[in-house]
Amino acid sequence: MLFLAVVYAVLMNFVDESKNFTIEKEINYPVEKVFPQFNNLQNFARWNAFFSEDQNMGYQFFSPYEGIGSSMSYRDLKNSSNFGEIYIRYENPLHTLRYQLFEGKHNSPYLIDIKFKGENEKTKITWIIHTPKQPFLKRSLNLVTEDYIAENIDKSMKNLFTILGNKVDKEEQRKNLKFDSLMVENVQSQLLLGINVTTKNVKDALFKSIVMNHNKVLNFVTMDLAKRSDEYGEPVMITDADNFKDKEVSYFYGVPLSKKVVISDNNFIFKTLSASRNYVIYYQGSYAGRIKPIQQLLLKAKKDSLKSGDLQQTFLEQPDEENKAVIKLSLPVFK
């Protein structure tokens, strides 16, 4: 033991008592949408993995609730030693923020400067982190701190991308939509939470089933899981592309979430949509009228000698009136 202590002492002489490091990230949203997710600590705590990964974390927020002078405290309800406070000490709107993060009973904080640079519709985010001084016997923590923080920032940026994706104004989306035109999109993978359903395909029975199960999924996500509207995406229905001909239709109906959560109701399951290249048509009209654009997608895949996967129907408006459906029809294609 004495030998190990001597070796540790020698090694720690080469380890700094604190560390400074910089991490750069880029996100495909304008700075006007990104910055409010950082200077409002209630927003910040929802997507920052340091806080959001722990389901037992409790928070208190103190006014002002955004900008310089705002603060929050956090505490792990099952681990009394895990608590702390974070403050916004400086703000240059849309450009710079400085946080102070105090962990536990430590008097020396982390200093975190974040710089934002808008570039067209993207934002470059630079995290400049200065760790607190560590006493000699704990200096080895500085050997792993940078990797730990970098990993948390990676997770956080993915969470932020998902939240911002769900926050985009629907009105702005509609302005850019070209209905009834066949397009090609490369889409990222999605995690869906929903239910499997089989129903009769006669008259309006299918649409009534969709309405009922839409309400069932949304109620579970918003009531049981307490998710807010910007924490889940637009509902997606997955079916065989040509099952509109069948007497019965089986489908999965779910909403995108950023990560898996514990669910107690066995009626609900998670389903992963893999990243893919999709043929897409945006459609509005009666739900029965979707059959023609679906046939267009299938015919295009056949002409291009491509195989196709299950059809994805994303409901851009809540399905409540059969004659006023607004749907994104997506057909994954591959060789």
Protein backbone atom coordinates (compact mmCIF):
# COMPACT_ATOMS: atom_id res chain seq x y z
CA MET A 1 0.00 0.00 0.00
CA LEU A 2 2.84 2.38 0.78
CA PHE A 3 4.35 1.67 -2.64
CA LEU A 4 1.03 2.43 -4.38
CA ALA A 5 0.66 5.65 -2.40
CA VAL A 6 4.14 6.74 -3.46
CA VAL A 7 3.40 5.93 -7.13
CA TYR A 8 0.10 7.85 -6.93
CA ALA A 9 1.87 10.85 -5.37
CA VAL A 10 4.47 10.88 -8.12
CA LEU A 11 1.90 10.60 -10.88
CA MET A 12 -0.33 13.34 -9.43
CA ASN A 13 2.56 15.80 -9.60
CA PHE A 14 2.03 15.69 -13.39
CA VAL A 15 -1.75 16.25 -13.20
CA ASP A 16 -3.08 19.82 -13.08
CA GLU A 17 -5.21 20.77 -10.09
CA SER A 18 -7.86 22.07 -12.52
CA LYS A 19 -8.50 21.74 -16.25
CA ASN A 20 -9.58 23.96 -19.12
CA PHE A 21 -10.96 22.47 -22.31
CA THR A 22 -13.13 23.47 -25.25
CA ILE A 23 -15.82 21.46 -27.04
CA GLU A 24 -17.38 22.64 -30.31
CA LYS A 25 -20.73 21.51 -31.69
CA GLU A 26 -23.05 22.53 -34.49
CA ILE A 27 -26.81 22.19 -34.65
CA ASN A 28 -29.07 22.67 -37.67
CA TYR A 29 -31.29 25.34 -36.16
CA PRO A 30 -30.94 29.15 -36.15
CA VAL A 31 -29.47 30.84 -33.09
CA GLU A 32 -32.81 32.56 -32.36
CA LYS A 33 -34.30 29.15 -31.58
CA VAL A 34 -31.20 27.68 -29.91
CA PHE A 35 -30.29 30.46 -27.46
CA PRO A 36 -33.58 30.35 -25.44
CA GLN A 37 -32.86 26.70 -24.69
CA PHE A 38 -29.71 27.81 -22.84
CA ASN A 39 -30.64 31.07 -21.10
CA ASN A 40 -33.86 29.63 -19.64
CA LEU A 41 -32.81 27.09 -17.01
CA GLN A 42 -36.18 25.32 -17.05
CA ASN A 43 -35.56 24.58 -20.73
CA PHE A 44 -31.89 23.79 -20.07
CA ALA A 45 -32.65 21.14 -17.44
CA ARG A 46 -35.02 19.28 -19.76
CA TRP A 47 -32.52 18.42 -22.50
CA ASN A 48 -29.14 18.62 -20.72
CA ALA A 49 -28.13 15.01 -20.08
CA PHE A 50 -26.36 15.91 -16.81
CA PHE A 51 -29.84 16.52 -15.37
CA SER A 52 -32.32 14.72 -17.64
CA GLU A 53 -30.63 11.30 -17.54
CA ASP A 54 -31.51 10.88 -13.84
CA GLN A 55 -35.23 10.20 -13.42
CA ASN A 56 -34.92 10.80 -9.66
CA MET A 57 -33.69 14.38 -10.01
CA GLY A 58 -35.75 17.13 -8.40
CA TYR A 59 -35.43 20.86 -9.21
CA GLN A 60 -36.18 24.31 -7.91
CA PHE A 61 -36.05 27.36 -10.17
CA PHE A 62 -35.62 30.91 -8.92
CA SER A 63 -36.63 34.18 -10.57
CA PRO A 64 -35.73 35.74 -12.86
CA TYR A 65 -36.34 32.52 -14.76
CA GLU A 66 -34.10 33.39 -17.71
CA GLY A 67 -31.01 35.43 -18.40
CA ILE A 68 -28.47 36.94 -16.02
CA GLY A 69 -29.30 36.36 -12.35
CA SER A 70 -31.45 33.27 -12.92
CA SER A 71 -30.62 30.11 -11.00
CA MET A 72 -31.74 26.60 -10.16
CA SER A 73 -30.94 23.95 -7.59
CA TYR A 74 -31.04 20.21 -8.16
CA ARG A 75 -31.09 17.20 -5.87
CA ASP A 76 -31.18 13.46 -6.48
CA LEU A 77 -34.16 12.27 -4.43
CA LYS A 78 -32.56 8.84 -3.91
CA ASN A 79 -28.95 9.92 -3.43
CA SER A 80 -28.60 12.70 -0.87
CA SER A 81 -24.95 13.32 -1.80
CA ASN A 82 -25.85 14.31 -5.36
CA PHE A 83 -27.03 17.93 -5.30
CA GLY A 84 -25.93 21.33 -6.49
CA GLU A 85 -26.77 24.75 -7.88
CA ILE A 86 -26.28 26.49 -11.22
CA TYR A 87 -26.33 30.23 -11.92
CA ILE A 88 -26.24 32.39 -15.05
CA ARG A 89 -23.63 35.05 -14.27
CA TYR A 90 -23.31 36.75 -17.66
CA GLU A 91 -25.41 37.07 -20.79
CA ASN A 92 -24.87 38.72 -24.16
CA PRO A 93 -28.13 37.74 -25.89
CA LEU A 94 -27.69 35.40 -28.87
CA HIS A 95 -23.90 35.46 -28.41
CA THR A 96 -22.55 34.43 -24.98
CA LEU A 97 -23.55 32.91 -21.63
CA ARG A 98 -21.56 32.13 -18.49
CA TYR A 99 -22.74 29.54 -15.98
CA GLN A 100 -21.41 28.75 -12.51
CA LEU A 101 -22.10 25.18 -11.39
CA PHE A 102 -21.57 24.24 -7.73
CA GLU A 103 -21.57 20.51 -6.99
CA GLY A 104 -22.48 19.33 -3.50
CA LYS A 105 -20.70 21.19 -0.70
CA HIS A 106 -17.78 22.34 -2.86
CA ASN A 107 -17.10 26.07 -2.68
CA SER A 108 -15.18 26.13 -5.95
CA PRO A 109 -17.50 26.04 -9.01
CA TYR A 110 -17.26 24.88 -12.59
CA LEU A 111 -17.13 27.91 -14.89
CA ILE A 112 -18.84 27.25 -18.21
CA ASP A 113 -18.74 29.83 -20.99
CA ILE A 114 -20.88 29.11 -24.05
CA LYS A 115 -20.50 31.03 -27.29
CA PHE A 116 -23.09 31.01 -30.06
CA LYS A 117 -22.42 31.86 -33.69
CA GLY A 118 -25.32 31.82 -36.14
CA GLU A 119 -24.44 30.70 -39.66
CA ASN A 120 -27.45 30.78 -42.02
CA GLU A 121 -29.91 28.34 -40.46
CA LYS A 122 -27.25 26.64 -38.31
CA THR A 123 -25.67 27.54 -34.97
CA LYS A 124 -22.10 26.82 -33.92
CA ILE A 125 -21.90 26.28 -30.15
CA THR A 126 -18.58 26.45 -28.32
CA TRP A 127 -18.40 25.16 -24.73
CA ILE A 128 -15.39 26.50 -22.77
CA ILE A 129 -15.15 24.65 -19.45
CA HIS A 130 -12.92 25.43 -16.47
CA THR A 131 -13.09 22.73 -13.79
CA PRO A 132 -12.73 23.57 -10.07
CA LYS A 133 -9.43 23.04 -8.31
CA GLN A 134 -9.09 19.55 -6.85
CA PRO A 135 -7.14 18.75 -3.69
CA PHE A 136 -4.02 16.65 -4.22
CA LEU A 137 -5.66 13.37 -3.19
CA LYS A 138 -8.58 13.88 -5.62
CA ARG A 139 -6.59 15.25 -8.53
CA SER A 140 -6.97 11.97 -10.46
CA LEU A 141 -10.59 13.01 -11.14
CA ASN A 142 -9.24 15.47 -13.69
CA LEU A 143 -8.05 12.53 -15.78
CA VAL A 144 -11.64 11.46 -16.55
CA THR A 145 -13.58 14.75 -16.24
CA GLU A 146 -13.12 15.86 -19.86
CA ASP A 147 -14.29 12.54 -21.34
CA TYR A 148 -17.27 12.46 -18.98
CA ILE A 149 -18.34 16.01 -19.85
CA ALA A 150 -17.78 15.47 -23.59
CA GLU A 151 -20.02 12.39 -23.49
CA ASN A 152 -22.75 14.31 -21.67
CA ILE A 153 -22.57 17.17 -24.17
CA ASP A 154 -22.93 14.68 -27.05
CA LYS A 155 -26.08 13.23 -25.45
CA SER A 156 -27.38 16.70 -24.63
CA MET A 157 -27.02 17.98 -28.19
CA LYS A 158 -28.98 14.98 -29.50
CA ASN A 159 -31.74 15.72 -26.96
CA LEU A 160 -31.72 19.40 -27.95
CA PHE A 161 -31.98 18.55 -31.65
CA THR A 162 -35.06 16.43 -30.92
CA ILE A 163 -36.74 19.10 -28.80
CA LEU A 164 -36.08 21.84 -31.33
CA GLY A 165 -37.38 19.57 -34.09
CA ASN A 166 -40.64 19.28 -32.20
CA LYS A 167 -40.76 23.04 -31.54
CA VAL A 168 -40.65 24.14 -35.17
CA ASP A 169 -43.79 26.14 -35.89
CA LYS A 170 -46.29 24.14 -37.92
CA GLU A 171 -47.23 27.28 -39.83
CA GLU A 172 -43.65 27.64 -41.04
CA GLN A 173 -43.58 23.98 -42.03
CA ARG A 174 -46.78 24.37 -44.05
CA LYS A 175 -45.30 27.29 -46.04
CA ASN A 176 -42.55 25.04 -47.35
CA LEU A 177 -44.70 22.02 -48.16
CA LYS A 178 -45.42 21.05 -51.74
CA PHE A 179 -48.52 18.93 -51.74
CA ASP A 180 -49.01 16.12 -54.27
CA SER A 181 -45.40 16.32 -55.55
CA LEU A 182 -43.18 13.25 -55.30
CA MET A 183 -39.89 14.01 -53.53
CA VAL A 184 -36.91 12.13 -52.14
CA GLU A 185 -35.81 12.54 -48.53
CA ASN A 186 -33.01 11.05 -46.46
CA VAL A 187 -34.37 10.60 -42.95
CA GLN A 188 -32.71 9.81 -39.63
CA SER A 189 -33.73 6.95 -37.37
CA GLN A 190 -36.64 7.50 -34.98
CA LEU A 191 -37.76 5.87 -31.76
CA LEU A 192 -41.54 5.51 -31.59
CA LEU A 193 -43.77 4.63 -28.66
CA GLY A 194 -47.18 3.28 -29.60
CA ILE A 195 -49.52 0.34 -30.05
CA ASN A 196 -50.22 -2.42 -32.57
CA VAL A 197 -53.75 -2.50 -33.97
CA THR A 198 -55.83 -4.68 -36.31
CA THR A 199 -59.14 -3.36 -37.62
CA LYS A 200 -61.67 -3.94 -40.40
CA ASN A 201 -61.14 -2.04 -43.64
CA VAL A 202 -64.76 -1.27 -44.50
CA LYS A 203 -66.35 2.16 -45.05
CA ASP A 204 -64.85 4.56 -42.49
CA ALA A 205 -63.94 1.88 -39.90
CA LEU A 206 -60.20 2.34 -40.47
CA PHE A 207 -60.28 6.10 -39.92
CA LYS A 208 -62.41 5.72 -36.77
CA SER A 209 -59.84 3.22 -35.48
CA ILE A 210 -57.05 5.70 -36.19
CA VAL A 211 -58.85 8.48 -34.31
CA MET A 212 -59.47 6.24 -31.30
CA ASN A 213 -55.88 4.98 -31.12
CA HIS A 214 -54.44 8.44 -31.75
CA ASN A 215 -56.27 9.61 -28.63
CA LYS A 216 -55.16 6.53 -26.71
CA VAL A 217 -51.47 7.07 -27.55
CA LEU A 218 -51.54 10.83 -26.92
CA ASN A 219 -53.33 10.40 -23.60
CA PHE A 220 -50.74 7.87 -22.46
CA VAL A 221 -47.81 10.05 -23.51
CA THR A 222 -49.16 13.31 -22.09
CA MET A 223 -50.97 12.01 -18.98
CA ASP A 224 -49.17 8.83 -17.88
CA LEU A 225 -45.69 9.87 -19.03
CA ALA A 226 -46.27 13.61 -18.43
CA LYS A 227 -44.63 14.58 -21.73
CA ARG A 228 -45.15 18.12 -23.00
CA SER A 229 -45.97 18.87 -26.63
CA ASP A 230 -42.36 19.64 -27.55
CA GLU A 231 -41.09 16.38 -26.04
CA TYR A 232 -42.68 14.14 -28.66
CA GLY A 233 -43.04 14.31 -32.43
CA GLU A 234 -45.93 14.07 -34.83
CA PRO A 235 -47.76 10.72 -34.81
CA VAL A 236 -46.72 8.07 -37.33
CA MET A 237 -48.77 5.14 -38.60
CA ILE A 238 -46.86 2.21 -40.10
CA THR A 239 -48.57 -0.27 -42.42
CA ASP A 240 -47.94 -2.51 -45.41
CA ALA A 241 -47.89 -0.12 -48.35
CA ASP A 242 -50.64 -1.89 -50.32
CA ASN A 243 -52.88 -3.16 -47.52
CA PHE A 244 -55.61 -0.68 -48.49
CA LYS A 245 -56.86 -3.57 -50.66
CA ASP A 246 -57.29 -5.94 -47.69
CA LYS A 247 -60.45 -6.62 -45.68
CA GLU A 248 -58.45 -6.16 -42.46
CA VAL A 249 -55.63 -3.72 -41.82
CA SER A 250 -52.87 -4.17 -39.25
CA TYR A 251 -50.89 -1.11 -38.26
CA PHE A 252 -48.62 0.41 -35.63
CA TYR A 253 -49.51 3.89 -34.37
CA GLY A 254 -46.99 5.80 -32.30
CA VAL A 255 -45.23 9.08 -31.58
CA PRO A 256 -41.46 9.79 -31.69
CA LEU A 257 -39.62 10.17 -28.36
CA SER A 258 -36.00 11.12 -27.82
CA LYS A 259 -35.19 8.09 -25.64
CA LYS A 260 -36.73 5.02 -24.05
CA VAL A 261 -38.54 5.40 -20.74
CA VAL A 262 -39.95 2.84 -18.34
CA ILE A 263 -43.57 2.01 -19.22
CA SER A 264 -45.93 -0.02 -17.05
CA ASP A 265 -48.71 -0.62 -19.60
CA ASN A 266 -48.00 -3.72 -21.71
CA ASN A 267 -50.29 -2.44 -24.47
CA PHE A 268 -47.59 0.05 -25.47
CA ILE A 269 -44.28 -0.87 -27.09
CA PHE A 270 -41.25 0.86 -28.57
CA LYS A 271 -40.49 0.56 -32.27
CA THR A 272 -37.36 1.85 -34.03
CA LEU A 273 -37.53 3.26 -37.54
CA SER A 274 -34.13 2.89 -39.18
CA ALA A 275 -32.52 5.71 -41.14
CA SER A 276 -33.58 5.41 -44.77
CA ARG A 277 -34.02 7.01 -48.17
CA ASN A 278 -37.71 7.69 -48.69
CA TYR A 279 -40.00 8.56 -51.56
CA VAL A 280 -42.39 11.15 -50.13
CA ILE A 281 -45.69 12.79 -51.07
CA TYR A 282 -47.44 15.36 -48.87
CA TYR A 283 -51.20 14.91 -49.16
CA GLN A 284 -54.30 16.75 -47.96
CA GLY A 285 -57.89 15.78 -48.55
CA SER A 286 -60.14 12.89 -47.57
CA TYR A 287 -58.38 9.98 -45.90
CA ALA A 288 -59.76 7.61 -48.53
CA GLY A 289 -58.10 9.76 -51.20
CA ARG A 290 -54.62 8.86 -49.93
CA ILE A 291 -54.72 5.66 -52.03
CA LYS A 292 -53.79 7.43 -55.28
CA PRO A 293 -50.55 9.03 -53.95
CA ILE A 294 -49.62 5.74 -52.27
CA GLN A 295 -49.95 4.03 -55.65
CA GLN A 296 -47.72 6.76 -57.13
CA LEU A 297 -45.02 5.96 -54.56
CA LEU A 298 -45.21 2.23 -55.26
CA LEU A 299 -45.12 2.78 -59.03
CA LYS A 300 -42.07 5.04 -58.71
CA ALA A 301 -40.20 2.41 -56.68
CA LYS A 302 -41.11 -0.25 -59.27
CA LYS A 303 -39.92 1.92 -62.18
CA ASP A 304 -36.63 2.55 -60.37
CA SER A 305 -36.21 -1.21 -59.72
CA LEU A 306 -36.12 -0.63 -55.97
CA LYS A 307 -37.57 -2.65 -53.12
CA SER A 308 -39.83 -0.84 -50.68
CA GLY A 309 -40.45 -1.06 -46.95
CA ASP A 310 -43.51 -0.39 -44.84
CA LEU A 311 -45.45 2.79 -45.57
CA GLN A 312 -45.12 5.57 -42.98
CA GLN A 313 -48.08 7.95 -42.64
CA THR A 314 -47.19 10.99 -40.54
CA PHE A 315 -50.26 12.95 -39.45
CA LEU A 316 -49.35 16.63 -39.72
CA GLU A 317 -52.75 17.59 -38.35
CA GLN A 318 -54.64 15.74 -35.65
CA PRO A 319 -56.79 13.05 -37.32
CA ASP A 320 -60.32 14.01 -36.33
CA GLU A 321 -62.16 14.68 -39.59
CA GLU A 322 -62.02 12.07 -42.37
CA ASN A 323 -62.36 14.71 -45.09
CA LYS A 324 -59.59 16.98 -43.75
CA ALA A 325 -56.57 14.71 -43.47
CA VAL A 326 -53.10 16.27 -43.78
CA ILE A 327 -50.52 13.49 -44.13
CA LYS A 328 -46.92 12.98 -45.10
CA LEU A 329 -46.73 9.64 -46.97
CA SER A 330 -43.22 8.14 -46.85
CA LEU A 331 -42.08 4.94 -48.56
CA PRO A 332 -38.56 3.70 -47.67
CA VAL A 333 -36.77 2.37 -50.76
CA PHE A 334 -33.58 0.34 -51.20
CA LYS A 335 -31.81 -1.87 -53.72
